Amino acid sequence: MLHIVNKSSLERNALESCLHVAQDGAAILLIEDAVYAATRGNAASNHLRDALSRFKVYALAPDLEARGMGDRVLEGVSTVDYGGFVDLVTEHKNCQSWL
């Protein structure tokens, strides 16, 4: 399953809920303000770093760049462009959006 999170972990608990519910081997795509969690020094970075052993984590590169965070991505988080976003959606049988 692909889990898509779009809210900042400082604003909502969507990422925390996603990490709690997602099954091992799931993929998590961070978009919009959720990409902050994929950056070094962010309050959620420790949770996300721990999650990397259970999940494949992606961050949408255009959203990182728009927020000036393109050079601060945590090791282990893969970045994807819009085409990669589409590929992830088509590769997974189910998608869950966390709002």
PDB file of N, CA and C in Angstrom:
ATOM      1  N   MET A   1       0.844  -1.179   0.000  1.00  0.00           N
ATOM      2  CA  MET A   1       0.000   0.000   0.000  1.00  0.00           C
ATOM      3  C   MET A   1       0.885   1.237   0.000  1.00  0.00           C
ATOM      4  N   LEU A   2       0.424   2.250  -0.715  1.00  0.00           N
ATOM      5  CA  LEU A   2       1.077   3.550  -0.732  1.00  0.00           C
ATOM      6  C   LEU A   2       0.293   4.488   0.173  1.00  0.00           C
ATOM      7  N   HIS A   3       0.988   5.062   1.145  1.00  0.00           N
ATOM      8  CA  HIS A   3       0.398   6.046   2.057  1.00  0.00           C
ATOM      9  C   HIS A   3       0.905   7.421   1.625  1.00  0.00           C
ATOM     10  N   ILE A   4      -0.011   8.349   1.396  1.00  0.00           N
ATOM     11  CA  ILE A   4       0.343   9.693   0.945  1.00  0.00           C
ATOM     12  C   ILE A   4      -0.015  10.681   2.057  1.00  0.00           C
ATOM     13  N   VAL A   5       1.003  11.368   2.560  1.00  0.00           N
ATOM     14  CA  VAL A   5       0.815  12.319   3.661  1.00  0.00           C
ATOM     15  C   VAL A   5       1.117  13.717   3.127  1.00  0.00           C
ATOM     16  N   ASN A   6       0.214  14.671   3.393  1.00  0.00           N
ATOM     17  CA  ASN A   6       0.418  16.018   2.863  1.00  0.00           C
ATOM     18  C   ASN A   6       0.496  17.123   3.928  1.00  0.00           C
ATOM     19  N   LYS A   7       0.300  16.817   5.190  1.00  0.00           N
ATOM     20  CA  LYS A   7       0.312  17.861   6.219  1.00  0.00           C
ATOM     21  C   LYS A   7       1.596  17.793   7.046  1.00  0.00           C
ATOM     22  N   SER A   8       2.067  18.935   7.461  1.00  0.00           N
ATOM     23  CA  SER A   8       3.246  19.014   8.311  1.00  0.00           C
ATOM     24  C   SER A   8       2.990  18.294   9.634  1.00  0.00           C
ATOM     25  N   SER A   9       4.001  17.599  10.108  1.00  0.00           N
ATOM     26  CA  SER A   9       3.873  16.913  11.396  1.00  0.00           C
ATOM     27  C   SER A   9       3.804  17.910  12.550  1.00  0.00           C
ATOM     28  N   LEU A  10       4.131  19.170  12.298  1.00  0.00           N
ATOM     29  CA  LEU A  10       4.005  20.210  13.315  1.00  0.00           C
ATOM     30  C   LEU A  10       2.576  20.748  13.390  1.00  0.00           C
ATOM     31  N   GLU A  11       1.814  20.509  12.327  1.00  0.00           N
ATOM     32  CA  GLU A  11       0.454  21.020  12.247  1.00  0.00           C
ATOM     33  C   GLU A  11      -0.597  19.959  12.599  1.00  0.00           C
ATOM     34  N   ARG A  12      -0.360  18.734  12.166  1.00  0.00           N
ATOM     35  CA  ARG A  12      -1.311  17.637  12.361  1.00  0.00           C
ATOM     36  C   ARG A  12      -0.562  16.367  12.727  1.00  0.00           C
ATOM     37  N   ASN A  13      -1.292  15.347  13.169  1.00  0.00           N
ATOM     38  CA  ASN A  13      -0.661  14.077  13.531  1.00  0.00           C
ATOM     39  C   ASN A  13      -0.820  13.023  12.437  1.00  0.00           C
ATOM     40  N   ALA A  14      -1.032  13.448  11.193  1.00  0.00           N
ATOM     41  CA  ALA A  14      -1.261  12.514  10.086  1.00  0.00           C
ATOM     42  C   ALA A  14      -0.076  11.575   9.885  1.00  0.00           C
ATOM     43  N   LEU A  15       1.145  12.103   9.918  1.00  0.00           N
ATOM     44  CA  LEU A  15       2.318  11.247   9.727  1.00  0.00           C
ATOM     45  C   LEU A  15       2.450  10.246  10.866  1.00  0.00           C
ATOM     46  N   GLU A  16       2.271  10.713  12.079  1.00  0.00           N
ATOM     47  CA  GLU A  16       2.349   9.823  13.243  1.00  0.00           C
ATOM     48  C   GLU A  16       1.306   8.707  13.137  1.00  0.00           C
ATOM     49  N   SER A  17       0.086   9.056  12.778  1.00  0.00           N
ATOM     50  CA  SER A  17      -0.976   8.053  12.615  1.00  0.00           C
ATOM     51  C   SER A  17      -0.631   7.082  11.498  1.00  0.00           C
ATOM     52  N   CYS A  18      -0.120   7.600  10.404  1.00  0.00           N
ATOM     53  CA  CYS A  18       0.275   6.759   9.280  1.00  0.00           C
ATOM     54  C   CYS A  18       1.345   5.759   9.702  1.00  0.00           C
ATOM     55  N   LEU A  19       2.375   6.225  10.387  1.00  0.00           N
ATOM     56  CA  LEU A  19       3.468   5.344  10.817  1.00  0.00           C
ATOM     57  C   LEU A  19       2.973   4.281  11.796  1.00  0.00           C
ATOM     58  N   HIS A  20       1.974   4.624  12.580  1.00  0.00           N
ATOM     59  CA  HIS A  20       1.417   3.685  13.550  1.00  0.00           C
ATOM     60  C   HIS A  20       0.582   2.597  12.875  1.00  0.00           C
ATOM     61  N   VAL A  21      -0.141   2.954  11.830  1.00  0.00           N
ATOM     62  CA  VAL A  21      -1.090   2.038  11.184  1.00  0.00           C
ATOM     63  C   VAL A  21      -0.465   1.252  10.029  1.00  0.00           C
ATOM     64  N   ALA A  22       0.466   1.836   9.317  1.00  0.00           N
ATOM     65  CA  ALA A  22       1.029   1.202   8.119  1.00  0.00           C
ATOM     66  C   ALA A  22       1.713  -0.120   8.463  1.00  0.00           C
ATOM     67  N   GLN A  23       1.561  -1.073   7.565  1.00  0.00           N
ATOM     68  CA  GLN A  23       2.178  -2.385   7.745  1.00  0.00           C
ATOM     69  C   GLN A  23       3.583  -2.380   7.178  1.00  0.00           C
ATOM     70  N   ASP A  24       4.446  -3.207   7.750  1.00  0.00           N
ATOM     71  CA  ASP A  24       5.823  -3.308   7.269  1.00  0.00           C
ATOM     72  C   ASP A  24       5.831  -3.526   5.764  1.00  0.00           C
ATOM     73  N   GLY A  25       6.764  -2.863   5.101  1.00  0.00           N
ATOM     74  CA  GLY A  25       6.892  -2.992   3.664  1.00  0.00           C
ATOM     75  C   GLY A  25       6.077  -1.986   2.875  1.00  0.00           C
ATOM     76  N   ALA A  26       5.264  -1.201   3.538  1.00  0.00           N
ATOM     77  CA  ALA A  26       4.462  -0.187   2.850  1.00  0.00           C
ATOM     78  C   ALA A  26       5.376   0.925   2.341  1.00  0.00           C
ATOM     79  N   ALA A  27       4.852   1.713   1.438  1.00  0.00           N
ATOM     80  CA  ALA A  27       5.555   2.888   0.939  1.00  0.00           C
ATOM     81  C   ALA A  27       4.842   4.130   1.452  1.00  0.00           C
ATOM     82  N   ILE A  28       5.631   5.137   1.803  1.00  0.00           N
ATOM     83  CA  ILE A  28       5.076   6.397   2.294  1.00  0.00           C
ATOM     84  C   ILE A  28       5.612   7.521   1.420  1.00  0.00           C
ATOM     85  N   LEU A  29       4.697   8.302   0.881  1.00  0.00           N
ATOM     86  CA  LEU A  29       5.062   9.439   0.050  1.00  0.00           C
ATOM     87  C   LEU A  29       4.673  10.718   0.775  1.00  0.00           C
ATOM     88  N   LEU A  30       5.656  11.574   1.000  1.00  0.00           N
ATOM     89  CA  LEU A  30       5.430  12.860   1.656  1.00  0.00           C
ATOM     90  C   LEU A  30       5.327  13.933   0.580  1.00  0.00           C
ATOM     91  N   ILE A  31       4.233  14.689   0.622  1.00  0.00           N
ATOM     92  CA  ILE A  31       4.008  15.761  -0.343  1.00  0.00           C
ATOM     93  C   ILE A  31       3.628  17.036   0.412  1.00  0.00           C
ATOM     94  N   GLU A  32       3.578  18.136  -0.320  1.00  0.00           N
ATOM     95  CA  GLU A  32       3.206  19.433   0.241  1.00  0.00           C
ATOM     96  C   GLU A  32       4.005  19.696   1.523  1.00  0.00           C
ATOM     97  N   ASP A  33       3.366  20.153   2.620  1.00  0.00           N
ATOM     98  CA  ASP A  33       4.101  20.484   3.842  1.00  0.00           C
ATOM     99  C   ASP A  33       4.623  19.263   4.598  1.00  0.00           C
ATOM    100  N   ALA A  34       4.179  18.080   4.257  1.00  0.00           N
ATOM    101  CA  ALA A  34       4.686  16.873   4.918  1.00  0.00           C
ATOM    102  C   ALA A  34       6.154  16.626   4.573  1.00  0.00           C
ATOM    103  N   VAL A  35       6.665  17.229   3.501  1.00  0.00           N
ATOM    104  CA  VAL A  35       8.069  17.007   3.136  1.00  0.00           C
ATOM    105  C   VAL A  35       9.022  17.531   4.207  1.00  0.00           C
ATOM    106  N   TYR A  36       8.580  18.452   5.040  1.00  0.00           N
ATOM    107  CA  TYR A  36       9.453  18.941   6.114  1.00  0.00           C
ATOM    108  C   TYR A  36       9.927  17.797   7.009  1.00  0.00           C
ATOM    109  N   ALA A  37       9.099  16.781   7.206  1.00  0.00           N
ATOM    110  CA  ALA A  37       9.466  15.650   8.057  1.00  0.00           C
ATOM    111  C   ALA A  37      10.656  14.883   7.494  1.00  0.00           C
ATOM    112  N   ALA A  38      10.902  15.003   6.200  1.00  0.00           N
ATOM    113  CA  ALA A  38      11.989  14.272   5.544  1.00  0.00           C
ATOM    114  C   ALA A  38      13.300  15.039   5.550  1.00  0.00           C
ATOM    115  N   THR A  39      13.372  16.120   6.330  1.00  0.00           N
ATOM    116  CA  THR A  39      14.579  16.944   6.340  1.00  0.00           C
ATOM    117  C   THR A  39      15.322  16.849   7.668  1.00  0.00           C
ATOM    118  N   ARG A  40      16.623  16.994   7.572  1.00  0.00           N
ATOM    119  CA  ARG A  40      17.474  16.979   8.763  1.00  0.00           C
ATOM    120  C   ARG A  40      17.112  18.146   9.677  1.00  0.00           C
ATOM    121  N   GLY A  41      17.090  17.877  10.978  1.00  0.00           N
ATOM    122  CA  GLY A  41      16.831  18.915  11.958  1.00  0.00           C
ATOM    123  C   GLY A  41      15.377  19.170  12.252  1.00  0.00           C
ATOM    124  N   ASN A  42      14.485  18.506  11.565  1.00  0.00           N
ATOM    125  CA  ASN A  42      13.056  18.677  11.800  1.00  0.00           C
ATOM    126  C   ASN A  42      12.647  17.868  13.012  1.00  0.00           C
ATOM    127  N   ALA A  43      11.625  18.315  13.722  1.00  0.00           N
ATOM    128  CA  ALA A  43      11.155  17.628  14.929  1.00  0.00           C
ATOM    129  C   ALA A  43      10.712  16.198  14.647  1.00  0.00           C
ATOM    130  N   ALA A  44      10.223  15.930  13.446  1.00  0.00           N
ATOM    131  CA  ALA A  44       9.739  14.584  13.100  1.00  0.00           C
ATOM    132  C   ALA A  44      10.825  13.702  12.499  1.00  0.00           C
ATOM    133  N   SER A  45      12.006  14.239  12.290  1.00  0.00           N
ATOM    134  CA  SER A  45      13.038  13.473  11.585  1.00  0.00           C
ATOM    135  C   SER A  45      13.437  12.197  12.324  1.00  0.00           C
ATOM    136  N   ASN A  46      13.429  12.202  13.653  1.00  0.00           N
ATOM    137  CA  ASN A  46      13.771  10.974  14.390  1.00  0.00           C
ATOM    138  C   ASN A  46      12.737   9.881  14.167  1.00  0.00           C
ATOM    139  N   HIS A  47      11.449  10.242  14.172  1.00  0.00           N
ATOM    140  CA  HIS A  47      10.391   9.266  13.907  1.00  0.00           C
ATOM    141  C   HIS A  47      10.538   8.699  12.496  1.00  0.00           C
ATOM    142  N   LEU A  48      10.819   9.577  11.560  1.00  0.00           N
ATOM    143  CA  LEU A  48      10.940   9.141  10.176  1.00  0.00           C
ATOM    144  C   LEU A  48      12.190   8.281   9.987  1.00  0.00           C
ATOM    145  N   ARG A  49      13.276   8.653  10.629  1.00  0.00           N
ATOM    146  CA  ARG A  49      14.509   7.866  10.542  1.00  0.00           C
ATOM    147  C   ARG A  49      14.268   6.452  11.065  1.00  0.00           C
ATOM    148  N   ASP A  50      13.542   6.315  12.160  1.00  0.00           N
ATOM    149  CA  ASP A  50      13.194   4.999  12.702  1.00  0.00           C
ATOM    150  C   ASP A  50      12.306   4.222  11.732  1.00  0.00           C
ATOM    151  N   ALA A  51      11.417   4.919  11.053  1.00  0.00           N
ATOM    152  CA  ALA A  51      10.475   4.278  10.134  1.00  0.00           C
ATOM    153  C   ALA A  51      11.163   3.730   8.889  1.00  0.00           C
ATOM    154  N   LEU A  52      12.326   4.250   8.547  1.00  0.00           N
ATOM    155  CA  LEU A  52      13.016   3.812   7.337  1.00  0.00           C
ATOM    156  C   LEU A  52      13.387   2.329   7.361  1.00  0.00           C
ATOM    157  N   SER A  53      13.454   1.737   8.542  1.00  0.00           N
ATOM    158  CA  SER A  53      13.745   0.305   8.617  1.00  0.00           C
ATOM    159  C   SER A  53      12.519  -0.541   8.292  1.00  0.00           C
ATOM    160  N   ARG A  54      11.349   0.051   8.332  1.00  0.00           N
ATOM    161  CA  ARG A  54      10.098  -0.678   8.077  1.00  0.00           C
ATOM    162  C   ARG A  54       9.434  -0.306   6.760  1.00  0.00           C
ATOM    163  N   PHE A  55       9.673   0.921   6.282  1.00  0.00           N
ATOM    164  CA  PHE A  55       8.971   1.438   5.122  1.00  0.00           C
ATOM    165  C   PHE A  55       9.936   2.032   4.115  1.00  0.00           C
ATOM    166  N   LYS A  56       9.511   2.069   2.869  1.00  0.00           N
ATOM    167  CA  LYS A  56      10.209   2.832   1.844  1.00  0.00           C
ATOM    168  C   LYS A  56       9.587   4.225   1.872  1.00  0.00           C
ATOM    169  N   VAL A  57      10.393   5.238   2.083  1.00  0.00           N
ATOM    170  CA  VAL A  57       9.881   6.603   2.245  1.00  0.00           C
ATOM    171  C   VAL A  57      10.351   7.462   1.070  1.00  0.00           C
ATOM    172  N   TYR A  58       9.401   8.183   0.500  1.00  0.00           N
ATOM    173  CA  TYR A  58       9.657   9.074  -0.628  1.00  0.00           C
ATOM    174  C   TYR A  58       9.202  10.480  -0.264  1.00  0.00           C
ATOM    175  N   ALA A  59       9.847  11.472  -0.867  1.00  0.00           N
ATOM    176  CA  ALA A  59       9.423  12.866  -0.715  1.00  0.00           C
ATOM    177  C   ALA A  59       9.353  13.476  -2.111  1.00  0.00           C
ATOM    178  N   LEU A  60       8.337  14.276  -2.341  1.00  0.00           N
ATOM    179  CA  LEU A  60       8.150  14.900  -3.646  1.00  0.00           C
ATOM    180  C   LEU A  60       9.153  16.048  -3.805  1.00  0.00           C
ATOM    181  N   ALA A  61      10.083  15.874  -4.740  1.00  0.00           N
ATOM    182  CA  ALA A  61      11.177  16.828  -4.930  1.00  0.00           C
ATOM    183  C   ALA A  61      10.705  18.253  -5.228  1.00  0.00           C
ATOM    184  N   PRO A  62       9.704  18.456  -6.087  1.00  0.00           N
ATOM    185  CA  PRO A  62       9.271  19.844  -6.327  1.00  0.00           C
ATOM    186  C   PRO A  62       8.758  20.540  -5.060  1.00  0.00           C
ATOM    187  N   ASP A  63       8.140  19.779  -4.151  1.00  0.00           N
ATOM    188  CA  ASP A  63       7.669  20.371  -2.892  1.00  0.00           C
ATOM    189  C   ASP A  63       8.846  20.686  -1.970  1.00  0.00           C
ATOM    190  N   LEU A  64       9.857  19.841  -1.962  1.00  0.00           N
ATOM    191  CA  LEU A  64      11.069  20.134  -1.186  1.00  0.00           C
ATOM    192  C   LEU A  64      11.736  21.404  -1.712  1.00  0.00           C
ATOM    193  N   GLU A  65      11.877  21.487  -3.021  1.00  0.00           N
ATOM    194  CA  GLU A  65      12.521  22.651  -3.640  1.00  0.00           C
ATOM    195  C   GLU A  65      11.724  23.924  -3.378  1.00  0.00           C
ATOM    196  N   ALA A  66      10.405  23.841  -3.471  1.00  0.00           N
ATOM    197  CA  ALA A  66       9.557  25.020  -3.253  1.00  0.00           C
ATOM    198  C   ALA A  66       9.707  25.564  -1.835  1.00  0.00           C
ATOM    199  N   ARG A  67      10.077  24.693  -0.899  1.00  0.00           N
ATOM    200  CA  ARG A  67      10.242  25.095   0.498  1.00  0.00           C
ATOM    201  C   ARG A  67      11.709  25.323   0.864  1.00  0.00           C
ATOM    202  N   GLY A  68      12.591  25.278  -0.114  1.00  0.00           N
ATOM    203  CA  GLY A  68      14.008  25.510   0.121  1.00  0.00           C
ATOM    204  C   GLY A  68      14.682  24.400   0.905  1.00  0.00           C
ATOM    205  N   MET A  69      14.153  23.187   0.820  1.00  0.00           N
ATOM    206  CA  MET A  69      14.657  22.067   1.607  1.00  0.00           C
ATOM    207  C   MET A  69      15.287  20.959   0.764  1.00  0.00           C
ATOM    208  N   GLY A  70      15.495  21.208  -0.506  1.00  0.00           N
ATOM    209  CA  GLY A  70      16.010  20.179  -1.402  1.00  0.00           C
ATOM    210  C   GLY A  70      17.357  19.620  -1.010  1.00  0.00           C
ATOM    211  N   ASP A  71      18.166  20.402  -0.310  1.00  0.00           N
ATOM    212  CA  ASP A  71      19.505  19.947   0.074  1.00  0.00           C
ATOM    213  C   ASP A  71      19.568  19.434   1.514  1.00  0.00           C
ATOM    214  N   ARG A  72      18.428  19.260   2.166  1.00  0.00           N
ATOM    215  CA  ARG A  72      18.409  18.832   3.569  1.00  0.00           C
ATOM    216  C   ARG A  72      17.700  17.494   3.780  1.00  0.00           C
ATOM    217  N   VAL A  73      17.545  16.710   2.730  1.00  0.00           N
ATOM    218  CA  VAL A  73      16.792  15.456   2.801  1.00  0.00           C
ATOM    219  C   VAL A  73      17.564  14.413   3.619  1.00  0.00           C
ATOM    220  N   LEU A  74      16.831  13.731   4.497  1.00  0.00           N
ATOM    221  CA  LEU A  74      17.422  12.670   5.313  1.00  0.00           C
ATOM    222  C   LEU A  74      17.962  11.545   4.449  1.00  0.00           C
ATOM    223  N   GLU A  75      19.064  10.969   4.870  1.00  0.00           N
ATOM    224  CA  GLU A  75      19.608   9.803   4.188  1.00  0.00           C
ATOM    225  C   GLU A  75      18.595   8.661   4.276  1.00  0.00           C
ATOM    226  N   GLY A  76      18.360   8.005   3.169  1.00  0.00           N
ATOM    227  CA  GLY A  76      17.410   6.904   3.129  1.00  0.00           C
ATOM    228  C   GLY A  76      16.062   7.283   2.549  1.00  0.00           C
ATOM    229  N   VAL A  77      15.775   8.585   2.487  1.00  0.00           N
ATOM    230  CA  VAL A  77      14.528   9.061   1.875  1.00  0.00           C
ATOM    231  C   VAL A  77      14.809   9.299   0.398  1.00  0.00           C
ATOM    232  N   SER A  78      13.999   8.698  -0.458  1.00  0.00           N
ATOM    233  CA  SER A  78      14.144   8.881  -1.902  1.00  0.00           C
ATOM    234  C   SER A  78      13.278  10.039  -2.358  1.00  0.00           C
ATOM    235  N   THR A  79      13.795  10.828  -3.272  1.00  0.00           N
ATOM    236  CA  THR A  79      12.993  11.910  -3.823  1.00  0.00           C
ATOM    237  C   THR A  79      12.445  11.475  -5.182  1.00  0.00           C
ATOM    238  N   VAL A  80      11.246  11.949  -5.478  1.00  0.00           N
ATOM    239  CA  VAL A  80      10.616  11.651  -6.765  1.00  0.00           C
ATOM    240  C   VAL A  80      10.047  12.935  -7.352  1.00  0.00           C
ATOM    241  N   ASP A  81       9.976  12.968  -8.670  1.00  0.00           N
ATOM    242  CA  ASP A  81       9.323  14.080  -9.349  1.00  0.00           C
ATOM    243  C   ASP A  81       7.861  13.703  -9.578  1.00  0.00           C
ATOM    244  N   TYR A  82       7.136  14.510 -10.327  1.00  0.00           N
ATOM    245  CA  TYR A  82       5.714  14.220 -10.543  1.00  0.00           C
ATOM    246  C   TYR A  82       5.511  12.897 -11.281  1.00  0.00           C
ATOM    247  N   GLY A  83       6.389  12.594 -12.235  1.00  0.00           N
ATOM    248  CA  GLY A  83       6.308  11.319 -12.933  1.00  0.00           C
ATOM    249  C   GLY A  83       6.521  10.157 -11.981  1.00  0.00           C
ATOM    250  N   GLY A  84       7.452  10.330 -11.035  1.00  0.00           N
ATOM    251  CA  GLY A  84       7.685   9.304 -10.016  1.00  0.00           C
ATOM    252  C   GLY A  84       6.490   9.125  -9.102  1.00  0.00           C
ATOM    253  N   PHE A  85       5.787  10.224  -8.816  1.00  0.00           N
ATOM    254  CA  PHE A  85       4.553  10.171  -8.023  1.00  0.00           C
ATOM    255  C   PHE A  85       3.536   9.282  -8.746  1.00  0.00           C
ATOM    256  N   VAL A  86       3.361   9.526 -10.032  1.00  0.00           N
ATOM    257  CA  VAL A  86       2.425   8.721 -10.824  1.00  0.00           C
ATOM    258  C   VAL A  86       2.861   7.256 -10.829  1.00  0.00           C
ATOM    259  N   ASP A  87       4.157   7.011 -10.994  1.00  0.00           N
ATOM    260  CA  ASP A  87       4.670   5.638 -10.982  1.00  0.00           C
ATOM    261  C   ASP A  87       4.351   4.943  -9.667  1.00  0.00           C
ATOM    262  N   LEU A  88       4.535   5.631  -8.548  1.00  0.00           N
ATOM    263  CA  LEU A  88       4.246   5.037  -7.240  1.00  0.00           C
ATOM    264  C   LEU A  88       2.766   4.673  -7.122  1.00  0.00           C
ATOM    265  N   VAL A  89       1.902   5.547  -7.595  1.00  0.00           N
ATOM    266  CA  VAL A  89       0.461   5.276  -7.526  1.00  0.00           C
ATOM    267  C   VAL A  89       0.115   4.051  -8.369  1.00  0.00           C
ATOM    268  N   THR A  90       0.706   3.940  -9.542  1.00  0.00           N
ATOM    269  CA  THR A  90       0.373   2.806 -10.408  1.00  0.00           C
ATOM    270  C   THR A  90       1.013   1.504  -9.941  1.00  0.00           C
ATOM    271  N   GLU A  91       2.120   1.588  -9.200  1.00  0.00           N
ATOM    272  CA  GLU A  91       2.805   0.396  -8.702  1.00  0.00           C
ATOM    273  C   GLU A  91       2.099  -0.245  -7.510  1.00  0.00           C
ATOM    274  N   HIS A  92       1.287   0.506  -6.819  1.00  0.00           N
ATOM    275  CA  HIS A  92       0.633   0.008  -5.608  1.00  0.00           C
ATOM    276  C   HIS A  92      -0.857  -0.215  -5.858  1.00  0.00           C
ATOM    277  N   LYS A  93      -1.316  -1.336  -5.386  1.00  0.00           N
ATOM    278  CA  LYS A  93      -2.721  -1.705  -5.587  1.00  0.00           C
ATOM    279  C   LYS A  93      -3.657  -0.734  -4.869  1.00  0.00           C
ATOM    280  N   ASN A  94      -3.254  -0.291  -3.679  1.00  0.00           N
ATOM    281  CA  ASN A  94      -4.087   0.608  -2.869  1.00  0.00           C
ATOM    282  C   ASN A  94      -3.285   1.830  -2.458  1.00  0.00           C
ATOM    283  N   CYS A  95      -3.995   2.964  -2.369  1.00  0.00           N
ATOM    284  CA  CYS A  95      -3.396   4.206  -1.877  1.00  0.00           C
ATOM    285  C   CYS A  95      -4.281   4.754  -0.762  1.00  0.00           C
ATOM    286  N   GLN A  96      -3.633   5.250   0.281  1.00  0.00           N
ATOM    287  CA  GLN A  96      -4.346   5.868   1.399  1.00  0.00           C
ATOM    288  C   GLN A  96      -3.812   7.277   1.584  1.00  0.00           C
ATOM    289  N   SER A  97      -4.684   8.267   1.467  1.00  0.00           N
ATOM    290  CA  SER A  97      -4.280   9.644   1.712  1.00  0.00           C
ATOM    291  C   SER A  97      -4.558  10.012   3.150  1.00  0.00           C
ATOM    292  N   TRP A  98      -3.581  10.623   3.794  1.00  0.00           N
ATOM    293  CA  TRP A  98      -3.687  11.061   5.190  1.00  0.00           C
ATOM    294  C   TRP A  98      -3.794  12.575   5.179  1.00  0.00           C
ATOM    295  N   LEU A  99      -4.945  13.077   5.621  1.00  0.00           N
ATOM    296  CA  LEU A  99      -5.194  14.523   5.564  1.00  0.00           C
ATOM    297  C   LEU A  99      -5.153  15.154   6.939  1.00  0.00           C
TER     298      LEU A  99
END
